[in-house]
Amino acid sequence: MRNSHVMRLIKTTLFLAVYTLASSAFAVTASVSSLSVISGSSQSIALSNINGPLSVSNSSPGLIIVSAIDASHYKVTGVAVGSATITFKDRTSSVQVRVSVKAPVSSVLEGRLLASNCFQCHGTNGSGGFERLTGESYGEIYDELRKFATGAEDPNGIMAAHAMGFSEAQLKAIAAYLSTLR
């Protein structure tokens, strides 16, 4: 009787070890663990070892768009400068891909020229003055500029007077440049 109990225990332990090993060997995997995308462009991610239906979650839908190409390939498009995480989850496992969206170089260079006027009030390279700009994200800066440009914030102030003089593309370029300052 005791031998059969020991044999049952050994079989159960062996089964659990094989099951655990098999489960990890067939976990969903991504072709990359991190991705850098230029705003306005796309890159693809290939998945393998998918077990059952796949769900995709995006931590920052305003920064990136994730769309299926087919069952195991996804396109990631950068919308705005910043960072996001995509989680691919199947029936038994999940994998995360970190995405960093960068501004196009031409946009940053154009933004540098356009933002030179900002430093009169905001200090050298945005490091002080009336309000510190260094360390602000693209989204924060662009949202503020849009509010001033549309008159939603302080329509008679100096910031509105400056922002109303720029096009949408120029506001984006200014925000892209200022968001690179640290």
N, C-alpha and C. Protein backbone atom coordinates (compact mmCIF):
# COMPACT_ATOMS: atom_id res chain seq x y z
N MET A 1 0.83 -1.19 0.00
CA MET A 1 0.00 0.00 0.00
C MET A 1 0.87 1.24 0.00
N ARG A 2 1.91 1.21 0.83
CA ARG A 2 2.77 2.37 0.93
C ARG A 2 3.49 2.62 -0.40
N ASN A 3 3.91 1.58 -1.09
CA ASN A 3 4.59 1.71 -2.37
C ASN A 3 3.67 2.33 -3.42
N SER A 4 2.40 1.99 -3.41
CA SER A 4 1.47 2.56 -4.39
C SER A 4 1.26 4.05 -4.12
N HIS A 5 1.25 4.43 -2.84
CA HIS A 5 1.12 5.85 -2.49
C HIS A 5 2.35 6.63 -2.97
N VAL A 6 3.54 6.05 -2.76
CA VAL A 6 4.79 6.68 -3.20
C VAL A 6 4.80 6.78 -4.72
N MET A 7 4.38 5.71 -5.40
CA MET A 7 4.33 5.72 -6.88
C MET A 7 3.37 6.78 -7.39
N ARG A 8 2.20 6.92 -6.76
CA ARG A 8 1.22 7.93 -7.15
C ARG A 8 1.79 9.34 -6.95
N LEU A 9 2.51 9.53 -5.86
CA LEU A 9 3.13 10.82 -5.57
C LEU A 9 4.21 11.15 -6.61
N ILE A 10 5.01 10.16 -6.97
CA ILE A 10 6.04 10.35 -7.99
C ILE A 10 5.41 10.69 -9.33
N LYS A 11 4.36 9.97 -9.71
CA LYS A 11 3.69 10.23 -10.98
C LYS A 11 3.08 11.63 -11.02
N THR A 12 2.47 12.03 -9.92
CA THR A 12 1.86 13.37 -9.85
C THR A 12 2.94 14.44 -9.96
N THR A 13 4.04 14.28 -9.25
CA THR A 13 5.14 15.24 -9.30
C THR A 13 5.73 15.31 -10.70
N LEU A 14 5.92 14.15 -11.33
CA LEU A 14 6.45 14.09 -12.68
C LEU A 14 5.51 14.77 -13.67
N PHE A 15 4.20 14.51 -13.52
CA PHE A 15 3.21 15.13 -14.40
C PHE A 15 3.27 16.66 -14.28
N LEU A 16 3.31 17.16 -13.04
CA LEU A 16 3.36 18.62 -12.83
C LEU A 16 4.63 19.23 -13.41
N ALA A 17 5.75 18.54 -13.27
CA ALA A 17 7.01 19.05 -13.81
C ALA A 17 6.96 19.11 -15.34
N VAL A 18 6.45 18.05 -15.97
CA VAL A 18 6.34 18.02 -17.43
C VAL A 18 5.34 19.08 -17.91
N TYR A 19 4.22 19.23 -17.21
CA TYR A 19 3.20 20.22 -17.58
C TYR A 19 3.77 21.63 -17.49
N THR A 20 4.50 21.92 -16.41
CA THR A 20 5.10 23.25 -16.23
C THR A 20 6.11 23.53 -17.33
N LEU A 21 6.95 22.56 -17.62
CA LEU A 21 7.96 22.71 -18.67
C LEU A 21 7.29 22.90 -20.03
N ALA A 22 6.26 22.13 -20.32
CA ALA A 22 5.57 22.24 -21.60
C ALA A 22 4.86 23.58 -21.72
N SER A 23 4.26 24.04 -20.64
CA SER A 23 3.56 25.33 -20.67
C SER A 23 4.50 26.47 -20.98
N SER A 24 5.68 26.46 -20.33
CA SER A 24 6.62 27.56 -20.56
C SER A 24 7.26 27.46 -21.94
N ALA A 25 7.39 26.27 -22.48
CA ALA A 25 7.99 26.10 -23.81
C ALA A 25 7.05 26.61 -24.89
N PHE A 26 5.77 26.68 -24.60
CA PHE A 26 4.81 27.11 -25.60
C PHE A 26 4.17 28.45 -25.26
N ALA A 27 4.87 29.26 -24.49
CA ALA A 27 4.36 30.59 -24.15
C ALA A 27 4.44 31.48 -25.39
N VAL A 28 3.45 32.37 -25.51
CA VAL A 28 3.45 33.30 -26.63
C VAL A 28 4.71 34.16 -26.56
N THR A 29 5.36 34.34 -27.70
CA THR A 29 6.58 35.15 -27.76
C THR A 29 6.44 36.20 -28.86
N ALA A 30 7.17 37.30 -28.69
CA ALA A 30 7.18 38.38 -29.68
C ALA A 30 8.57 38.46 -30.29
N SER A 31 8.63 38.93 -31.53
CA SER A 31 9.91 39.04 -32.24
C SER A 31 10.83 40.07 -31.59
N VAL A 32 10.27 41.00 -30.83
CA VAL A 32 11.06 42.02 -30.13
C VAL A 32 10.48 42.25 -28.74
N SER A 33 11.30 42.70 -27.80
CA SER A 33 10.79 43.04 -26.48
C SER A 33 10.59 44.55 -26.35
N SER A 34 11.26 45.31 -27.22
CA SER A 34 11.06 46.75 -27.25
C SER A 34 11.19 47.23 -28.69
N LEU A 35 10.56 48.37 -28.94
CA LEU A 35 10.46 48.88 -30.30
C LEU A 35 10.57 50.40 -30.24
N SER A 36 11.30 50.99 -31.18
CA SER A 36 11.38 52.44 -31.29
C SER A 36 10.79 52.82 -32.64
N VAL A 37 9.80 53.71 -32.60
CA VAL A 37 9.07 54.10 -33.80
C VAL A 37 9.12 55.62 -33.93
N ILE A 38 9.31 56.10 -35.14
CA ILE A 38 9.24 57.54 -35.40
C ILE A 38 7.76 57.91 -35.56
N SER A 39 7.36 59.01 -34.93
CA SER A 39 5.97 59.46 -35.05
C SER A 39 5.59 59.58 -36.52
N GLY A 40 4.46 58.98 -36.87
CA GLY A 40 3.98 59.00 -38.26
C GLY A 40 4.42 57.79 -39.07
N SER A 41 5.27 56.92 -38.49
CA SER A 41 5.70 55.73 -39.22
C SER A 41 5.27 54.46 -38.48
N SER A 42 5.49 53.31 -39.11
CA SER A 42 5.05 52.04 -38.54
C SER A 42 6.16 51.01 -38.56
N GLN A 43 6.05 50.05 -37.66
CA GLN A 43 6.90 48.86 -37.64
C GLN A 43 6.02 47.67 -37.30
N SER A 44 6.51 46.47 -37.59
CA SER A 44 5.69 45.29 -37.32
C SER A 44 6.30 44.42 -36.23
N ILE A 45 5.43 43.65 -35.60
CA ILE A 45 5.81 42.69 -34.57
C ILE A 45 5.26 41.34 -34.99
N ALA A 46 6.10 40.31 -34.94
CA ALA A 46 5.67 38.94 -35.24
C ALA A 46 5.54 38.18 -33.92
N LEU A 47 4.46 37.42 -33.79
CA LEU A 47 4.23 36.60 -32.60
C LEU A 47 4.33 35.13 -32.98
N SER A 48 4.74 34.31 -32.01
CA SER A 48 4.77 32.87 -32.25
C SER A 48 4.30 32.15 -30.99
N ASN A 49 4.03 30.87 -31.13
CA ASN A 49 3.55 30.02 -30.03
C ASN A 49 2.24 30.52 -29.43
N ILE A 50 1.35 31.01 -30.26
CA ILE A 50 0.06 31.50 -29.78
C ILE A 50 -0.83 30.31 -29.46
N ASN A 51 -1.39 30.30 -28.25
CA ASN A 51 -2.24 29.20 -27.81
C ASN A 51 -3.66 29.72 -27.62
N GLY A 52 -4.52 29.56 -28.61
CA GLY A 52 -5.91 30.00 -28.51
C GLY A 52 -6.10 31.45 -28.92
N PRO A 53 -7.24 32.02 -28.54
CA PRO A 53 -7.54 33.40 -28.92
C PRO A 53 -6.52 34.37 -28.30
N LEU A 54 -6.23 35.44 -29.02
CA LEU A 54 -5.25 36.42 -28.58
C LEU A 54 -5.94 37.75 -28.31
N SER A 55 -5.65 38.33 -27.14
CA SER A 55 -6.15 39.68 -26.86
C SER A 55 -4.95 40.62 -26.85
N VAL A 56 -5.20 41.85 -27.29
CA VAL A 56 -4.14 42.85 -27.39
C VAL A 56 -4.58 44.07 -26.60
N SER A 57 -3.74 44.53 -25.67
CA SER A 57 -4.05 45.76 -24.95
C SER A 57 -2.91 46.75 -25.14
N ASN A 58 -3.29 48.01 -25.22
CA ASN A 58 -2.38 49.11 -25.50
C ASN A 58 -2.48 50.09 -24.34
N SER A 59 -1.38 50.35 -23.63
CA SER A 59 -1.41 51.22 -22.45
C SER A 59 -1.63 52.69 -22.80
N SER A 60 -1.35 53.08 -24.05
CA SER A 60 -1.47 54.49 -24.44
C SER A 60 -2.02 54.63 -25.86
N PRO A 61 -3.34 54.44 -26.03
CA PRO A 61 -3.92 54.51 -27.38
C PRO A 61 -3.70 55.85 -28.08
N GLY A 62 -3.45 56.92 -27.34
CA GLY A 62 -3.19 58.22 -27.96
C GLY A 62 -1.79 58.34 -28.54
N LEU A 63 -0.88 57.45 -28.14
CA LEU A 63 0.50 57.51 -28.61
C LEU A 63 0.78 56.53 -29.74
N ILE A 64 0.18 55.34 -29.67
CA ILE A 64 0.41 54.34 -30.71
C ILE A 64 -0.91 53.69 -31.12
N ILE A 65 -0.93 53.19 -32.34
CA ILE A 65 -2.06 52.41 -32.84
C ILE A 65 -1.53 51.02 -33.16
N VAL A 66 -2.21 50.00 -32.64
CA VAL A 66 -1.82 48.61 -32.89
C VAL A 66 -2.91 47.98 -33.73
N SER A 67 -2.53 47.46 -34.92
CA SER A 67 -3.53 46.83 -35.78
C SER A 67 -3.01 45.49 -36.29
N ALA A 68 -3.92 44.54 -36.42
CA ALA A 68 -3.56 43.19 -36.86
C ALA A 68 -3.32 43.18 -38.36
N ILE A 69 -2.22 42.57 -38.77
CA ILE A 69 -1.94 42.33 -40.19
C ILE A 69 -2.54 40.97 -40.54
N ASP A 70 -2.27 39.98 -39.68
CA ASP A 70 -2.87 38.65 -39.76
C ASP A 70 -2.86 38.08 -38.35
N ALA A 71 -3.06 36.78 -38.19
CA ALA A 71 -3.20 36.18 -36.87
C ALA A 71 -1.94 36.30 -36.00
N SER A 72 -0.78 36.44 -36.61
CA SER A 72 0.44 36.47 -35.81
C SER A 72 1.34 37.68 -36.10
N HIS A 73 0.85 38.63 -36.87
CA HIS A 73 1.64 39.83 -37.17
C HIS A 73 0.82 41.08 -36.89
N TYR A 74 1.46 42.04 -36.22
CA TYR A 74 0.78 43.28 -35.84
C TYR A 74 1.60 44.48 -36.28
N LYS A 75 0.91 45.53 -36.71
CA LYS A 75 1.54 46.78 -37.11
C LYS A 75 1.39 47.79 -35.98
N VAL A 76 2.49 48.44 -35.62
CA VAL A 76 2.50 49.47 -34.58
C VAL A 76 2.83 50.80 -35.25
N THR A 77 1.91 51.76 -35.13
CA THR A 77 2.09 53.07 -35.74
C THR A 77 2.25 54.12 -34.65
N GLY A 78 3.31 54.91 -34.74
CA GLY A 78 3.53 55.99 -33.78
C GLY A 78 2.66 57.18 -34.12
N VAL A 79 1.93 57.68 -33.14
CA VAL A 79 1.04 58.82 -33.34
C VAL A 79 1.62 60.08 -32.71
N ALA A 80 2.09 59.95 -31.48
CA ALA A 80 2.64 61.09 -30.74
C ALA A 80 3.85 60.62 -29.93
N VAL A 81 4.72 61.54 -29.61
CA VAL A 81 5.94 61.23 -28.87
C VAL A 81 5.61 60.77 -27.45
N GLY A 82 6.25 59.68 -27.03
CA GLY A 82 6.04 59.16 -25.69
C GLY A 82 6.34 57.67 -25.64
N SER A 83 5.91 57.02 -24.55
CA SER A 83 6.16 55.59 -24.36
C SER A 83 4.85 54.86 -24.07
N ALA A 84 4.79 53.62 -24.51
CA ALA A 84 3.60 52.79 -24.30
C ALA A 84 4.03 51.34 -24.15
N THR A 85 3.13 50.51 -23.66
CA THR A 85 3.37 49.08 -23.56
C THR A 85 2.20 48.35 -24.22
N ILE A 86 2.54 47.39 -25.07
CA ILE A 86 1.53 46.53 -25.70
C ILE A 86 1.61 45.18 -25.00
N THR A 87 0.46 44.63 -24.59
CA THR A 87 0.42 43.30 -23.99
C THR A 87 -0.37 42.38 -24.91
N PHE A 88 0.26 41.29 -25.32
CA PHE A 88 -0.37 40.25 -26.12
C PHE A 88 -0.64 39.08 -25.17
N LYS A 89 -1.90 38.65 -25.05
CA LYS A 89 -2.25 37.61 -24.10
C LYS A 89 -3.06 36.52 -24.80
N ASP A 90 -2.59 35.29 -24.68
CA ASP A 90 -3.36 34.16 -25.20
C ASP A 90 -3.96 33.39 -24.04
N ARG A 91 -4.40 32.17 -24.27
CA ARG A 91 -5.09 31.38 -23.25
C ARG A 91 -4.20 31.05 -22.06
N THR A 92 -2.89 30.89 -22.28
CA THR A 92 -2.02 30.42 -21.20
C THR A 92 -0.89 31.37 -20.81
N SER A 93 -0.62 32.38 -21.59
CA SER A 93 0.52 33.24 -21.29
C SER A 93 0.35 34.63 -21.89
N SER A 94 1.30 35.49 -21.59
CA SER A 94 1.28 36.84 -22.17
C SER A 94 2.71 37.32 -22.38
N VAL A 95 2.86 38.29 -23.25
CA VAL A 95 4.16 38.91 -23.50
C VAL A 95 3.93 40.40 -23.69
N GLN A 96 4.88 41.20 -23.20
CA GLN A 96 4.78 42.65 -23.32
C GLN A 96 5.87 43.17 -24.24
N VAL A 97 5.51 44.22 -25.01
CA VAL A 97 6.48 44.90 -25.86
C VAL A 97 6.42 46.38 -25.50
N ARG A 98 7.58 46.93 -25.11
CA ARG A 98 7.66 48.36 -24.79
C ARG A 98 7.90 49.13 -26.08
N VAL A 99 7.15 50.22 -26.27
CA VAL A 99 7.27 51.02 -27.48
C VAL A 99 7.63 52.45 -27.11
N SER A 100 8.63 52.98 -27.79
CA SER A 100 9.04 54.36 -27.60
C SER A 100 8.79 55.08 -28.93
N VAL A 101 8.02 56.16 -28.89
CA VAL A 101 7.73 56.93 -30.10
C VAL A 101 8.57 58.20 -30.06
N LYS A 102 9.37 58.40 -31.08
CA LYS A 102 10.26 59.55 -31.18
C LYS A 102 9.74 60.52 -32.24
N ALA A 103 10.12 61.78 -32.10
CA ALA A 103 9.76 62.79 -33.10
C ALA A 103 10.68 62.65 -34.31
N PRO A 104 10.16 62.94 -35.51
CA PRO A 104 11.04 62.94 -36.68
C PRO A 104 12.12 64.01 -36.51
N VAL A 105 13.33 63.73 -36.96
CA VAL A 105 14.45 64.65 -36.80
C VAL A 105 14.13 66.01 -37.41
N SER A 106 13.53 66.02 -38.59
CA SER A 106 13.22 67.31 -39.24
C SER A 106 12.26 68.12 -38.40
N SER A 107 11.32 67.46 -37.74
CA SER A 107 10.37 68.15 -36.89
C SER A 107 11.07 68.76 -35.68
N VAL A 108 12.00 68.02 -35.10
CA VAL A 108 12.74 68.53 -33.95
C VAL A 108 13.59 69.73 -34.35
N LEU A 109 14.26 69.65 -35.50
CA LEU A 109 15.09 70.78 -35.94
C LEU A 109 14.24 72.01 -36.25
N GLU A 110 13.13 71.81 -36.92
CA GLU A 110 12.22 72.92 -37.20
C GLU A 110 11.69 73.49 -35.88
N GLY A 111 11.34 72.62 -34.95
CA GLY A 111 10.83 73.05 -33.65
C GLY A 111 11.85 73.86 -32.87
N ARG A 112 13.12 73.50 -33.01
CA ARG A 112 14.18 74.25 -32.31
C ARG A 112 14.20 75.70 -32.78
N LEU A 113 14.13 75.89 -34.07
CA LEU A 113 14.13 77.25 -34.62
C LEU A 113 12.88 78.02 -34.17
N LEU A 114 11.71 77.36 -34.27
CA LEU A 114 10.46 78.02 -33.89
C LEU A 114 10.40 78.32 -32.39
N ALA A 115 10.98 77.45 -31.58
CA ALA A 115 10.90 77.60 -30.12
C ALA A 115 11.91 78.61 -29.57
N SER A 116 12.79 79.10 -30.40
CA SER A 116 13.80 80.03 -29.90
C SER A 116 13.17 81.25 -29.25
N ASN A 117 12.01 81.66 -29.70
CA ASN A 117 11.30 82.80 -29.11
C ASN A 117 10.79 82.47 -27.70
N CYS A 118 10.52 81.20 -27.43
CA CYS A 118 9.99 80.78 -26.12
C CYS A 118 10.97 81.06 -24.99
N PHE A 119 12.26 81.02 -25.31
CA PHE A 119 13.28 81.12 -24.28
C PHE A 119 13.38 82.52 -23.68
N GLN A 120 12.80 83.51 -24.35
CA GLN A 120 12.82 84.86 -23.78
C GLN A 120 12.08 84.89 -22.45
N CYS A 121 10.98 84.16 -22.35
CA CYS A 121 10.19 84.11 -21.11
C CYS A 121 10.46 82.85 -20.28
N HIS A 122 10.77 81.74 -20.95
CA HIS A 122 10.90 80.46 -20.26
C HIS A 122 12.35 80.10 -19.93
N GLY A 123 13.28 81.01 -20.17
CA GLY A 123 14.67 80.79 -19.83
C GLY A 123 15.42 79.97 -20.87
N THR A 124 16.74 79.98 -20.76
CA THR A 124 17.59 79.26 -21.70
C THR A 124 17.19 77.79 -21.75
N ASN A 125 16.90 77.32 -22.95
CA ASN A 125 16.46 75.94 -23.17
C ASN A 125 15.27 75.54 -22.30
N GLY A 126 14.43 76.50 -21.95
CA GLY A 126 13.21 76.20 -21.20
C GLY A 126 13.44 75.82 -19.75
N SER A 127 14.59 76.22 -19.20
CA SER A 127 14.96 75.77 -17.86
C SER A 127 14.49 76.67 -16.72
N GLY A 128 13.69 77.67 -16.99
CA GLY A 128 13.25 78.53 -15.89
C GLY A 128 12.36 79.64 -16.41
N GLY A 129 12.54 80.82 -15.90
CA GLY A 129 11.71 81.93 -16.31
C GLY A 129 10.33 81.82 -15.69
N PHE A 130 9.30 82.19 -16.46
CA PHE A 130 7.94 82.18 -15.92
C PHE A 130 7.46 80.77 -15.60
N GLU A 131 7.77 79.84 -16.48
CA GLU A 131 7.38 78.44 -16.25
C GLU A 131 8.44 77.54 -16.87
N ARG A 132 8.87 76.56 -16.12
CA ARG A 132 9.88 75.61 -16.59
C ARG A 132 9.26 74.68 -17.64
N LEU A 133 9.95 74.50 -18.77
CA LEU A 133 9.47 73.61 -19.83
C LEU A 133 10.24 72.29 -19.88
N THR A 134 11.46 72.27 -19.35
CA THR A 134 12.26 71.05 -19.41
C THR A 134 11.56 69.93 -18.63
N GLY A 135 11.62 68.75 -19.19
CA GLY A 135 11.02 67.58 -18.54
C GLY A 135 9.55 67.38 -18.85
N GLU A 136 8.94 68.32 -19.57
CA GLU A 136 7.53 68.17 -19.94
C GLU A 136 7.42 67.22 -21.14
N SER A 137 6.33 66.46 -21.21
CA SER A 137 6.14 65.53 -22.33
C SER A 137 5.58 66.25 -23.55
N TYR A 138 5.71 65.61 -24.68
CA TYR A 138 5.16 66.15 -25.92
C TYR A 138 3.68 66.45 -25.75
N GLY A 139 2.94 65.50 -25.19
CA GLY A 139 1.49 65.67 -25.03
C GLY A 139 1.13 66.85 -24.16
N GLU A 140 1.87 67.02 -23.05
CA GLU A 140 1.59 68.14 -22.14
C GLU A 140 1.83 69.48 -22.84
N ILE A 141 2.96 69.59 -23.52
CA ILE A 141 3.31 70.85 -24.18
C ILE A 141 2.34 71.13 -25.33
N TYR A 142 2.08 70.12 -26.15
CA TYR A 142 1.19 70.33 -27.30
C TYR A 142 -0.22 70.70 -26.84
N ASP A 143 -0.73 70.03 -25.82
CA ASP A 143 -2.07 70.35 -25.31
C ASP A 143 -2.15 71.80 -24.83
N GLU A 144 -1.12 72.24 -24.12
CA GLU A 144 -1.10 73.63 -23.65
C GLU A 144 -1.06 74.61 -24.83
N LEU A 145 -0.19 74.33 -25.79
CA LEU A 145 -0.09 75.21 -26.96
C LEU A 145 -1.42 75.29 -27.72
N ARG A 146 -2.10 74.14 -27.85
CA ARG A 146 -3.41 74.10 -28.55
C ARG A 146 -4.43 74.95 -27.80
N LYS A 147 -4.43 74.87 -26.48
CA LYS A 147 -5.38 75.66 -25.68
C LYS A 147 -5.15 77.16 -25.90
N PHE A 148 -3.88 77.56 -25.93
CA PHE A 148 -3.58 78.97 -26.18
C PHE A 148 -3.93 79.35 -27.62
N ALA A 149 -3.60 78.49 -28.57
CA ALA A 149 -3.83 78.80 -30.00
C ALA A 149 -5.31 78.92 -30.33
N THR A 150 -6.16 78.16 -29.63
CA THR A 150 -7.61 78.21 -29.90
C THR A 150 -8.32 79.24 -29.04
N GLY A 151 -7.58 79.85 -28.10
CA GLY A 151 -8.20 80.83 -27.22
C GLY A 151 -8.92 80.21 -26.04
N ALA A 152 -8.77 78.91 -25.85
CA ALA A 152 -9.43 78.23 -24.72
C ALA A 152 -8.77 78.59 -23.40
N GLU A 153 -7.52 79.02 -23.43
CA GLU A 153 -6.82 79.42 -22.21
C GLU A 153 -6.23 80.81 -22.40
N ASP A 154 -6.54 81.71 -21.50
CA ASP A 154 -6.01 83.08 -21.48
C ASP A 154 -5.95 83.70 -22.88
N PRO A 155 -7.10 83.88 -23.54
CA PRO A 155 -7.12 84.34 -24.93
C PRO A 155 -6.49 85.72 -25.17
N ASN A 156 -6.35 86.52 -24.13
CA ASN A 156 -5.77 87.85 -24.30
C ASN A 156 -4.32 87.92 -23.81
N GLY A 157 -3.76 86.79 -23.39
CA GLY A 157 -2.41 86.77 -22.83
C GLY A 157 -1.35 86.66 -23.90
N ILE A 158 -0.11 86.78 -23.48
CA ILE A 158 1.03 86.74 -24.39
C ILE A 158 1.20 85.37 -25.03
N MET A 159 0.90 84.29 -24.28
CA MET A 159 1.03 82.95 -24.86
C MET A 159 0.04 82.74 -25.99
N ALA A 160 -1.19 83.23 -25.83
CA ALA A 160 -2.18 83.10 -26.90
C ALA A 160 -1.72 83.87 -28.12
N ALA A 161 -1.17 85.08 -27.91
CA ALA A 161 -0.70 85.89 -29.04
C ALA A 161 0.39 85.15 -29.82
N HIS A 162 1.29 84.49 -29.12
CA HIS A 162 2.34 83.72 -29.81
C HIS A 162 1.77 82.47 -30.48
N ALA A 163 1.01 81.67 -29.73
CA ALA A 163 0.52 80.39 -30.24
C ALA A 163 -0.42 80.56 -31.43
N MET A 164 -1.22 81.62 -31.42
CA MET A 164 -2.17 81.83 -32.53
C MET A 164 -1.44 82.13 -33.84
N GLY A 165 -0.18 82.50 -33.76
CA GLY A 165 0.59 82.81 -34.97
C GLY A 165 1.21 81.59 -35.63
N PHE A 166 1.07 80.42 -35.03
CA PHE A 166 1.67 79.21 -35.59
C PHE A 166 0.61 78.29 -36.19
N SER A 167 1.02 77.55 -37.22
CA SER A 167 0.14 76.53 -37.80
C SER A 167 0.12 75.31 -36.89
N GLU A 168 -0.78 74.39 -37.17
CA GLU A 168 -0.87 73.13 -36.40
C GLU A 168 0.45 72.36 -36.48
N ALA A 169 1.03 72.27 -37.68
CA ALA A 169 2.29 71.55 -37.87
C ALA A 169 3.42 72.23 -37.09
N GLN A 170 3.43 73.55 -37.05
CA GLN A 170 4.46 74.27 -36.31
C GLN A 170 4.31 74.06 -34.80
N LEU A 171 3.07 74.05 -34.30
CA LEU A 171 2.84 73.77 -32.88
C LEU A 171 3.36 72.38 -32.52
N LYS A 172 3.11 71.41 -33.39
CA LYS A 172 3.59 70.05 -33.15
C LYS A 172 5.11 70.00 -33.15
N ALA A 173 5.74 70.74 -34.06
CA ALA A 173 7.20 70.77 -34.13
C ALA A 173 7.79 71.42 -32.87
N ILE A 174 7.17 72.49 -32.41
CA ILE A 174 7.63 73.15 -31.18
C ILE A 174 7.51 72.18 -30.00
N ALA A 175 6.38 71.51 -29.88
CA ALA A 175 6.17 70.55 -28.78
C ALA A 175 7.17 69.40 -28.88
N ALA A 176 7.43 68.93 -30.10
CA ALA A 176 8.38 67.83 -30.28
C ALA A 176 9.77 68.26 -29.81
N TYR A 177 10.19 69.46 -30.18
CA TYR A 177 11.51 69.93 -29.75
C TYR A 177 11.57 70.14 -28.24
N LEU A 178 10.61 70.88 -27.70
CA LEU A 178 10.65 71.19 -26.28
C LEU A 178 10.60 69.92 -25.41
N SER A 179 9.93 68.89 -25.91
CA SER A 179 9.85 67.63 -25.13
C SER A 179 11.16 66.88 -25.08
N THR A 180 12.14 67.27 -25.92
CA THR A 180 13.45 66.61 -25.90
C THR A 180 14.39 67.25 -24.87
N LEU A 181 14.01 68.40 -24.32
CA LEU A 181 14.88 69.11 -23.39
C LEU A 181 14.82 68.47 -22.01
N ARG A 182 15.97 68.27 -21.42
CA ARG A 182 16.03 67.67 -20.08
C ARG A 182 16.91 68.49 -19.18
